[in-house]
Amino acid sequence: MNTKEPRVMAPVLLECYEDFKEFANKAAVVTYRTEYFDSPFLDDSKRLRRLILHAVGVEMDGLPVTFKYVFEYGDLMSGSTGWDEQTSEADRRMRSMLEHLQAEYNLIKGTVETPQHSWKRLAVAKS
């Protein structure tokens, strides 16, 4: 094995959004993917149900590491409000997160290819 080839690691799943933002500051790029609630009605507004974030290319000990954070509407579920209020609040918070991320970081909608050769190119581009 060539010792100069970068090693690839699986994304590190974070439980805290504040931790994710710290790694996003050091990332080559931050990507996001959204998922929405399904509705049978065409006039319903789309409500976010999941926001998946990746901080890609964070250099740690010479390795490009990816950090992942997932925010779901279920994270806000409580018995004190109804389903509509809970999903509206989750949608509002996730959209607010996206606005902040777009203002602060190199944010791209979509995903990064995961084959090893893609990670090698990212590691070379970062150096």
Protein backbone atom coordinates (compact mmCIF):
# COMPACT_ATOMS: atom_id res chain seq x y z
CA MET A 1 0.00 0.00 0.00
CA ASN A 2 1.27 3.44 -0.91
CA THR A 3 1.67 5.46 2.30
CA LYS A 4 1.03 8.73 0.44
CA GLU A 5 -2.54 7.78 -0.47
CA PRO A 6 -5.12 9.41 1.82
CA ARG A 7 -7.14 7.09 4.00
CA VAL A 8 -10.90 7.28 3.97
CA MET A 9 -13.15 7.16 7.03
CA ALA A 10 -16.91 6.83 7.37
CA PRO A 11 -18.71 10.06 8.34
CA VAL A 12 -18.76 10.83 12.05
CA LEU A 13 -22.34 11.28 13.27
CA LEU A 14 -22.70 14.22 15.65
CA GLU A 15 -25.53 14.64 18.14
CA CYS A 16 -25.09 18.38 18.74
CA TYR A 17 -25.67 21.12 16.15
CA GLU A 18 -23.14 23.40 17.90
CA ASP A 19 -20.46 20.73 17.46
CA PHE A 20 -21.36 20.46 13.78
CA LYS A 21 -20.92 24.22 13.30
CA GLU A 22 -17.41 24.03 14.77
CA PHE A 23 -16.41 21.39 12.23
CA ALA A 24 -18.21 23.24 9.42
CA ASN A 25 -15.83 26.17 10.01
CA LYS A 26 -12.92 23.88 9.10
CA ALA A 27 -14.63 22.03 6.23
CA ALA A 28 -13.79 22.31 2.55
CA VAL A 29 -17.51 22.26 1.81
CA VAL A 30 -20.79 21.83 3.70
CA THR A 31 -23.56 19.90 1.97
CA TYR A 32 -27.20 19.48 2.86
CA ARG A 33 -30.11 17.33 1.83
CA THR A 34 -33.74 17.89 2.77
CA GLU A 35 -36.73 15.61 3.16
CA TYR A 36 -40.32 16.84 3.31
CA PHE A 37 -43.59 15.57 4.73
CA ASP A 38 -45.79 13.94 2.10
CA SER A 39 -49.23 15.40 1.59
CA PRO A 40 -52.11 14.25 -0.59
CA PHE A 41 -53.12 17.89 -1.14
CA LEU A 42 -51.50 20.02 -3.84
CA ASP A 43 -52.12 23.29 -1.99
CA ASP A 44 -50.27 22.21 1.18
CA SER A 45 -47.02 24.04 1.79
CA LYS A 46 -43.96 21.80 1.88
CA ARG A 47 -42.78 21.28 5.45
CA LEU A 48 -39.30 20.04 6.17
CA ARG A 49 -39.21 16.84 8.19
CA ARG A 50 -35.46 16.11 8.06
CA LEU A 51 -32.32 18.13 7.38
CA ILE A 52 -29.13 16.14 6.75
CA LEU A 53 -25.86 18.09 6.93
CA HIS A 54 -22.31 17.02 6.06
CA ALA A 55 -19.11 18.96 6.79
CA VAL A 56 -16.78 17.45 4.18
CA GLY A 57 -13.00 17.61 4.13
CA VAL A 58 -12.22 18.55 7.73
CA GLU A 59 -8.53 17.80 8.16
CA MET A 60 -7.71 15.88 11.32
CA ASP A 61 -4.29 14.31 11.80
CA GLY A 62 -3.67 14.60 8.06
CA LEU A 63 -6.90 12.80 7.12
CA PRO A 64 -9.96 14.32 5.42
CA VAL A 65 -12.86 13.57 7.76
CA THR A 66 -16.59 14.09 7.14
CA PHE A 67 -18.97 15.01 9.96
CA LYS A 68 -22.71 14.44 9.72
CA TYR A 69 -25.59 16.00 11.62
CA VAL A 70 -29.26 15.05 11.18
CA PHE A 71 -32.11 17.19 12.49
CA GLU A 72 -35.57 15.61 12.44
CA TYR A 73 -38.97 16.94 13.37
CA GLY A 74 -39.17 14.20 16.01
CA ASP A 75 -36.40 15.98 17.92
CA LEU A 76 -39.00 18.60 18.88
CA MET A 77 -41.94 16.32 19.59
CA SER A 78 -43.76 17.01 22.82
CA GLY A 79 -47.20 16.21 24.09
CA SER A 80 -48.05 19.85 24.78
CA THR A 81 -48.76 20.89 21.18
CA GLY A 82 -50.52 19.34 18.22
CA TRP A 83 -48.94 17.74 15.17
CA ASP A 84 -49.45 20.84 12.96
CA GLU A 85 -47.75 23.12 15.48
CA GLN A 86 -44.87 20.70 15.97
CA THR A 87 -44.21 20.22 12.26
CA SER A 88 -44.49 23.96 11.63
CA GLU A 89 -41.98 24.69 14.39
CA ALA A 90 -39.58 22.03 13.11
CA ASP A 91 -39.87 23.44 9.57
CA ARG A 92 -39.21 26.98 10.84
CA ARG A 93 -36.12 25.89 12.82
CA MET A 94 -34.66 23.86 9.95
CA ARG A 95 -35.17 26.72 7.48
CA SER A 96 -33.50 29.05 9.97
CA MET A 97 -30.54 26.64 10.19
CA LEU A 98 -30.25 26.63 6.40
CA GLU A 99 -30.29 30.44 6.23
CA HIS A 100 -27.53 30.62 8.83
CA LEU A 101 -25.44 27.97 7.07
CA GLN A 102 -25.84 29.68 3.68
CA ALA A 103 -24.65 32.97 5.16
CA GLU A 104 -21.69 31.51 7.05
CA TYR A 105 -20.34 28.56 5.05
CA ASN A 106 -19.65 27.23 1.57
CA LEU A 107 -23.03 25.44 1.43
CA ILE A 108 -24.09 23.15 -1.42
CA LYS A 109 -27.41 21.36 -1.82
CA GLY A 110 -26.92 17.68 -2.57
CA THR A 111 -24.43 15.02 -1.65
CA VAL A 112 -20.80 14.31 -2.35
CA GLU A 113 -19.93 11.12 -4.19
CA THR A 114 -18.60 8.55 -1.79
CA PRO A 115 -16.32 6.31 -3.90
CA GLN A 116 -12.75 6.39 -2.65
CA HIS A 117 -11.42 8.16 -5.74
CA SER A 118 -13.67 11.15 -4.97
CA TRP A 119 -12.25 11.45 -1.45
CA LYS A 120 -8.72 11.27 -2.83
CA ARG A 121 -9.44 14.20 -5.16
CA LEU A 122 -10.87 16.21 -2.26
CA ALA A 123 -7.78 15.52 -0.17
CA VAL A 124 -5.51 16.60 -3.04
CA ALA A 125 -7.57 19.75 -3.72
CA LYS A 126 -7.46 20.70 -0.03
CA SER A 127 -3.65 20.44 0.20
